[in-house]
């Protein structure tokens, strides 16, 4: 690795599996100290072992992002420990209990999807924007999907959440464009072999898809200090 993130402090949500796990490992390999956020303690501990064995640094943060006030507590703790945040990756996502016609979606599943895909990311921005501003080169990357604008049958709840996320993130980018060195972007990784993809397409051959490690490098591109992209959606698929 070329240590493109040497000395940087990064936070990655949804870090226990899939793209989030691959990004956390790649960031650590590139020299960042990574705060790994996910609900599953055991999976986080396995990730920590892998990062440590490769010579990297990780801080484990078991957290359900639907416990919104705890996001503020994490931000306060990071400020006390590091005084800043250099990189924020909003990767965690929820497919809303599976795919279904809009009229058949259970209210609980609808709320869960919007809590994770929209509200949690808004709370991440609210909590961590001041810490990113302290960084000399703050970077924020959020994960979206082509489904946001495809109007595919049965994808309505997930698509609406991602469309809302895009609007929030791009608006934030416009608001800070001339007053901050923070760079804010979204990334659409395309079809990647993840657990969510398997739920959505159970008969698909995962070997025919991009793997999480294949897309992790693009997150590094958007996280490094040299990145000048701002207010963009980077599409990989």
Protein backbone atom coordinates (compact mmCIF):
# COMPACT_ATOMS: atom_id res chain seq x y z
CA UNK A 1 0.00 0.00 0.00
CA UNK A 2 1.10 3.58 -0.66
CA UNK A 3 -0.08 4.92 2.73
CA UNK A 4 -2.28 7.54 1.07
CA UNK A 5 -4.24 7.98 4.32
CA UNK A 6 -1.29 7.99 6.71
CA UNK A 7 -2.13 9.63 10.03
CA UNK A 8 -5.77 10.25 9.10
CA UNK A 9 -8.69 9.49 11.41
CA UNK A 10 -11.62 7.83 9.63
CA UNK A 11 -15.05 6.62 10.71
CA UNK A 12 -16.87 3.95 8.68
CA UNK A 13 -20.45 2.86 9.35
CA UNK A 14 -21.66 -0.61 8.45
CA UNK A 15 -18.09 -1.78 8.97
CA UNK A 16 -18.84 -5.35 10.06
CA UNK A 17 -19.49 -6.78 6.60
CA UNK A 18 -19.52 -6.18 2.87
CA UNK A 19 -18.34 -2.87 1.45
CA UNK A 20 -17.95 -1.25 4.86
CA UNK A 21 -15.66 -4.01 6.06
CA UNK A 22 -13.55 -3.83 2.90
CA UNK A 23 -13.28 -0.05 3.16
CA UNK A 24 -12.29 -0.18 6.84
CA UNK A 25 -9.53 -2.71 6.08
CA UNK A 26 -8.29 -0.75 3.07
CA UNK A 27 -8.26 2.53 5.00
CA UNK A 28 -6.24 0.90 7.79
CA UNK A 29 -3.83 -0.57 5.25
CA UNK A 30 -3.39 2.91 3.80
CA UNK A 31 -2.36 4.23 7.23
CA UNK A 32 -5.61 5.58 8.70
CA UNK A 33 -6.82 4.90 12.23
CA UNK A 34 -10.33 3.61 11.60
CA UNK A 35 -13.34 3.89 13.90
CA UNK A 36 -15.40 0.87 12.86
CA UNK A 37 -19.12 1.31 13.52
CA UNK A 38 -21.60 -1.58 13.32
CA UNK A 39 -24.21 -3.36 15.40
CA UNK A 40 -22.48 -6.73 15.61
CA UNK A 41 -19.81 -6.91 18.31
CA UNK A 42 -18.45 -10.29 17.24
CA UNK A 43 -17.97 -9.26 13.62
CA UNK A 44 -16.27 -6.06 14.73
CA UNK A 45 -13.85 -8.04 16.88
CA UNK A 46 -12.98 -10.28 13.91
CA UNK A 47 -12.39 -7.16 11.81
CA UNK A 48 -10.19 -5.70 14.55
CA UNK A 49 -8.08 -8.87 14.56
CA UNK A 50 -7.63 -8.73 10.79
CA UNK A 51 -6.63 -5.06 10.86
CA UNK A 52 -4.25 -5.54 13.79
CA UNK A 53 -2.63 -8.61 12.22
CA UNK A 54 -1.96 -6.52 9.11
CA UNK A 55 -0.32 -3.81 11.20
CA UNK A 56 -3.23 -1.36 11.14
CA UNK A 57 -5.16 0.54 13.80
CA UNK A 58 -8.87 0.25 14.55
CA UNK A 59 -11.24 1.52 17.21
CA UNK A 60 -14.37 -0.58 17.64
CA UNK A 61 -17.69 1.19 18.08
CA UNK A 62 -20.65 -1.18 18.52
CA UNK A 63 -23.66 1.00 17.71
CA UNK A 64 -27.15 0.71 16.31
CA UNK A 65 -27.43 3.82 14.15
CA UNK A 66 -31.15 4.00 14.93
CA UNK A 67 -30.16 5.08 18.44
CA UNK A 68 -29.65 8.57 17.11
CA UNK A 69 -28.58 10.33 20.30
CA UNK A 70 -25.68 7.89 20.63
CA UNK A 71 -24.27 9.23 17.36
CA UNK A 72 -23.82 12.58 19.15
CA UNK A 73 -22.12 10.77 22.02
CA UNK A 74 -19.67 9.11 19.64
CA UNK A 75 -18.86 12.49 18.09
CA UNK A 76 -18.16 13.96 21.51
CA UNK A 77 -15.93 11.01 22.42
CA UNK A 78 -13.97 11.32 19.17
CA UNK A 79 -13.46 15.02 19.76
CA UNK A 80 -12.08 14.27 23.21
CA UNK A 81 -9.74 11.60 21.85
CA UNK A 82 -8.63 13.01 18.49
CA UNK A 83 -9.82 16.62 18.36
CA UNK A 84 -11.02 16.11 14.78
CA UNK A 85 -12.34 13.67 12.20
CA UNK A 86 -10.63 13.53 8.80
CA UNK A 87 -12.86 11.06 6.94
CA UNK A 88 -16.52 10.07 7.35
CA UNK A 89 -17.95 7.15 5.36
CA UNK A 90 -21.72 6.68 5.61
CA UNK A 91 -22.05 3.16 4.27
CA UNK A 92 -24.67 1.40 6.44
CA UNK A 93 -27.89 0.62 4.58
CA UNK A 94 -31.22 -1.15 5.07
CA UNK A 95 -33.38 -2.74 2.41
CA UNK A 96 -36.57 -2.32 4.41
CA UNK A 97 -37.39 -5.92 5.24
CA UNK A 98 -36.93 -7.02 1.62
CA UNK A 99 -38.51 -5.95 -1.66
CA UNK A 100 -42.28 -5.58 -1.91
CA UNK A 101 -45.01 -3.58 -3.63
CA UNK A 102 -45.39 -0.18 -1.97
CA UNK A 103 -48.85 -0.99 -0.70
CA UNK A 104 -47.59 -4.18 0.97
CA UNK A 105 -44.63 -2.68 2.84
CA UNK A 106 -44.99 -3.06 6.58
CA UNK A 107 -44.87 0.28 8.42
CA UNK A 108 -42.16 -1.00 10.76
CA UNK A 109 -39.94 -2.02 7.86
CA UNK A 110 -40.58 1.32 6.13
CA UNK A 111 -39.53 3.21 9.24
CA UNK A 112 -36.45 1.06 9.80
CA UNK A 113 -35.26 1.67 6.23
CA UNK A 114 -35.67 5.43 6.48
CA UNK A 115 -34.10 5.51 9.93
CA UNK A 116 -30.92 3.86 8.61
CA UNK A 117 -30.75 5.19 5.05
CA UNK A 118 -31.81 8.77 5.73
CA UNK A 119 -32.14 9.88 9.34
CA UNK A 120 -28.96 8.21 10.61
CA UNK A 121 -26.93 9.87 7.83
CA UNK A 122 -28.47 13.26 8.60
CA UNK A 123 -27.48 12.73 12.24
CA UNK A 124 -23.96 11.73 11.16
CA UNK A 125 -23.66 14.99 9.20
CA UNK A 126 -25.03 17.04 12.08
CA UNK A 127 -22.72 15.39 14.61
CA UNK A 128 -19.51 15.14 12.59
CA UNK A 129 -19.53 18.18 10.29
CA UNK A 130 -17.86 20.32 12.98
CA UNK A 131 -15.12 17.69 13.47
CA UNK A 132 -14.56 17.45 9.71
CA UNK A 133 -14.28 21.23 9.55
CA UNK A 134 -11.47 21.12 12.13
CA UNK A 135 -9.53 18.77 9.85
CA UNK A 136 -7.30 20.43 7.31
CA UNK A 137 -8.68 18.12 4.64
CA UNK A 138 -12.05 16.80 5.80
CA UNK A 139 -13.66 14.24 3.52
CA UNK A 140 -17.17 12.71 3.63
CA UNK A 141 -18.37 9.86 1.41
CA UNK A 142 -21.87 8.41 1.41
CA UNK A 143 -23.04 5.28 -0.41
CA UNK A 144 -25.97 5.56 -2.79
CA UNK A 145 -27.48 3.30 -5.44
CA UNK A 146 -28.64 3.46 -9.03
CA UNK A 147 -32.00 2.30 -7.69
CA UNK A 148 -32.58 5.85 -6.40
CA UNK A 149 -33.75 7.00 -9.85
CA UNK A 150 -34.59 3.77 -11.69
CA UNK A 151 -38.23 3.48 -10.50
CA UNK A 152 -37.92 -0.29 -10.34
CA UNK A 153 -40.94 -2.28 -9.15
CA UNK A 154 -40.68 -3.39 -5.50
CA UNK A 155 -37.67 -1.16 -4.79
CA UNK A 156 -39.72 1.89 -3.79
CA UNK A 157 -38.78 2.20 -0.11
CA UNK A 158 -35.06 1.61 -0.60
CA UNK A 159 -35.00 3.87 -3.68
CA UNK A 160 -36.82 6.68 -1.89
CA UNK A 161 -34.36 6.51 0.98
CA UNK A 162 -31.34 6.70 -1.33
CA UNK A 163 -32.91 9.56 -3.31
CA UNK A 164 -33.47 11.45 -0.07
CA UNK A 165 -29.89 10.73 1.00
CA UNK A 166 -28.56 12.11 -2.28
CA UNK A 167 -30.58 15.28 -1.86
CA UNK A 168 -29.37 15.81 1.71
CA UNK A 169 -25.71 15.16 0.92
CA UNK A 170 -25.61 17.25 -2.26
CA UNK A 171 -27.38 20.11 -0.49
CA UNK A 172 -24.82 19.97 2.32
CA UNK A 173 -22.05 20.01 -0.27
CA UNK A 174 -23.52 23.13 -1.89
CA UNK A 175 -23.89 24.85 1.48
CA UNK A 176 -20.21 24.46 2.39
CA UNK A 177 -18.65 24.73 -1.07
CA UNK A 178 -17.21 28.21 -0.53
CA UNK A 179 -16.67 28.22 3.22
CA UNK A 180 -14.94 24.95 4.06
CA UNK A 181 -12.11 22.73 2.84
CA UNK A 182 -14.31 19.67 3.52
CA UNK A 183 -15.08 17.69 0.36
CA UNK A 184 -18.40 15.83 0.27
CA UNK A 185 -19.41 13.20 -2.30
CA UNK A 186 -21.54 10.13 -2.89
CA UNK A 187 -20.44 6.88 -4.45
CA UNK A 188 -22.63 4.39 -6.30
CA UNK A 189 -20.62 1.14 -6.28
CA UNK A 190 -22.91 -0.66 -8.72
CA UNK A 191 -23.57 -4.40 -8.42
CA UNK A 192 -21.35 -5.75 -5.64
CA UNK A 193 -21.47 -9.17 -3.98
CA UNK A 194 -22.86 -8.20 -0.57
CA UNK A 195 -25.43 -9.66 1.81
CA UNK A 196 -27.97 -7.03 0.74
CA UNK A 197 -27.42 -7.95 -2.90
CA UNK A 198 -28.02 -11.63 -2.10
CA UNK A 199 -31.32 -10.76 -0.39
CA UNK A 200 -32.42 -8.73 -3.40
CA UNK A 201 -31.21 -11.22 -6.04
CA UNK A 202 -31.09 -14.66 -4.37
CA UNK A 203 -30.43 -16.61 -7.57
CA UNK A 204 -27.60 -14.43 -8.82
CA UNK A 205 -24.08 -15.80 -9.23
CA UNK A 206 -22.06 -13.74 -6.74
CA UNK A 207 -18.84 -14.70 -8.53
CA UNK A 208 -19.99 -12.69 -11.57
CA UNK A 209 -20.18 -9.48 -9.53
CA UNK A 210 -17.59 -7.03 -8.29
CA UNK A 211 -16.36 -7.95 -4.82
CA UNK A 212 -16.24 -5.47 -1.91
CA UNK A 213 -12.44 -5.31 -2.11
CA UNK A 214 -12.74 -4.29 -5.76
CA UNK A 215 -14.51 -1.03 -4.92
CA UNK A 216 -12.63 -0.09 -1.74
CA UNK A 217 -9.94 1.75 -3.70
CA UNK A 218 -12.47 4.26 -5.01
CA UNK A 219 -13.29 5.21 -1.42
CA UNK A 220 -9.59 5.88 -0.85
CA UNK A 221 -9.60 8.15 -3.91
CA UNK A 222 -12.39 10.25 -2.37
CA UNK A 223 -10.87 10.20 1.12
CA UNK A 224 -7.28 11.24 0.41
CA UNK A 225 -6.14 14.83 0.83
CA UNK A 226 -5.52 15.25 -2.90
CA UNK A 227 -9.17 14.64 -3.81
CA UNK A 228 -10.87 17.70 -5.28
CA UNK A 229 -14.22 16.13 -6.15
CA UNK A 230 -17.04 17.89 -4.36
CA UNK A 231 -20.81 17.59 -4.58
CA UNK A 232 -20.61 14.69 -7.04
CA UNK A 233 -22.01 11.19 -7.40
CA UNK A 234 -19.22 8.85 -8.47
CA UNK A 235 -20.70 5.84 -10.29
CA UNK A 236 -18.58 2.69 -10.51
CA UNK A 237 -21.01 0.24 -12.11
